[in-house]
Amino acid sequence: MSDRLTRALQQALEAAPCSTRRLAVAAEVPHSTLVRIQSGERAATLAVAEAVSVALEQWGKDCTQAARQLRQAARKQKGAR
């Protein structure tokens, strides 16, 4: 199974900043589904791909916000010296 959607999801799973299990929880899809897609045993569906993309986008937003807050704290610390 090497359709475009499946391959894109496999690449997203490889690049994810977390375990497949944590991503499955965040995307609200069964871990076994992601494992089977990752191994090529199952093709990706639009629903699973969308759920995973939403979870990854949310993580990106959360990480960006955390980085911003950390940077601001570091600047304040640097200015307090």
Protein backbone atom coordinates (compact mmCIF):
# COMPACT_ATOMS: atom_id res chain seq x y z
CA MET A 1 0.00 0.00 0.00
CA SER A 2 1.78 3.08 -1.18
CA ASP A 3 -0.91 5.54 -2.11
CA ARG A 4 -0.10 9.20 -1.67
CA LEU A 5 -2.20 9.72 1.48
CA THR A 6 -0.73 6.66 3.18
CA ARG A 7 2.82 7.71 2.35
CA ALA A 8 2.18 11.24 3.59
CA LEU A 9 0.79 9.90 6.87
CA GLN A 10 3.74 7.53 7.26
CA GLN A 11 6.10 10.49 6.81
CA ALA A 12 4.13 12.52 9.35
CA LEU A 13 4.34 9.68 11.84
CA GLU A 14 8.11 9.50 11.38
CA ALA A 15 8.48 13.26 11.85
CA ALA A 16 6.10 13.54 14.81
CA PRO A 17 7.62 15.04 17.97
CA CYS A 18 6.20 12.25 20.10
CA SER A 19 5.53 8.54 20.20
CA THR A 20 2.94 6.96 17.96
CA ARG A 21 0.96 6.09 21.08
CA ARG A 22 0.83 9.73 22.28
CA LEU A 23 -0.11 10.90 18.80
CA ALA A 24 -2.91 8.34 18.64
CA VAL A 25 -4.29 9.62 21.94
CA ALA A 26 -4.08 13.25 20.80
CA ALA A 27 -5.71 12.40 17.45
CA GLU A 28 -8.32 10.19 19.14
CA VAL A 29 -7.59 7.25 16.86
CA PRO A 30 -6.59 3.73 17.88
CA HIS A 31 -2.86 3.25 18.33
CA SER A 32 -3.13 -0.02 16.43
CA THR A 33 -4.49 1.86 13.41
CA LEU A 34 -1.47 4.15 13.28
CA VAL A 35 0.93 1.23 13.76
CA ARG A 36 -0.70 -0.69 10.92
CA ILE A 37 -0.57 2.34 8.63
CA GLN A 38 3.05 2.96 9.57
CA SER A 39 4.00 -0.64 8.77
CA GLY A 40 2.09 -0.64 5.48
CA GLU A 41 -0.47 -3.21 6.61
CA ARG A 42 -3.29 -0.70 6.23
CA ALA A 43 -3.99 2.29 4.02
CA ALA A 44 -4.64 5.68 5.54
CA THR A 45 -8.15 7.04 5.45
CA LEU A 46 -9.11 10.68 5.10
CA ALA A 47 -10.58 10.63 8.62
CA VAL A 48 -7.38 9.33 10.22
CA ALA A 49 -5.17 11.67 8.19
CA GLU A 50 -7.31 14.64 9.19
CA ALA A 51 -7.31 13.66 12.87
CA VAL A 52 -3.53 13.28 12.90
CA SER A 53 -3.01 16.57 11.07
CA VAL A 54 -5.21 18.41 13.58
CA ALA A 55 -3.27 16.89 16.49
CA LEU A 56 0.09 17.82 14.93
CA GLU A 57 -1.08 21.36 14.19
CA GLN A 58 -2.22 21.78 17.80
CA TRP A 59 1.15 20.53 19.05
CA GLY A 60 2.84 23.04 16.78
CA LYS A 61 0.75 25.88 18.21
CA ASP A 62 1.41 24.72 21.77
CA CYS A 63 5.16 24.43 21.16
CA THR A 64 5.30 27.86 19.54
CA GLN A 65 3.48 29.41 22.50
CA ALA A 66 5.75 27.65 25.00
CA ALA A 67 8.84 28.81 23.11
CA ARG A 68 7.54 32.40 23.09
CA GLN A 69 6.94 32.33 26.84
CA LEU A 70 10.36 30.82 27.50
CA ARG A 71 12.06 33.42 25.31
CA GLN A 72 10.24 36.24 27.13
CA ALA A 73 11.27 34.85 30.51
CA ALA A 74 14.88 34.57 29.37
CA ARG A 75 14.88 38.17 28.16
CA LYS A 76 13.48 39.38 31.48
CA GLN A 77 16.08 37.35 33.35
CA LYS A 78 18.85 38.76 31.16
CA GLY A 79 17.56 42.32 31.70
CA ALA A 80 17.41 41.84 35.49
CA ARG A 81 21.16 41.24 35.76
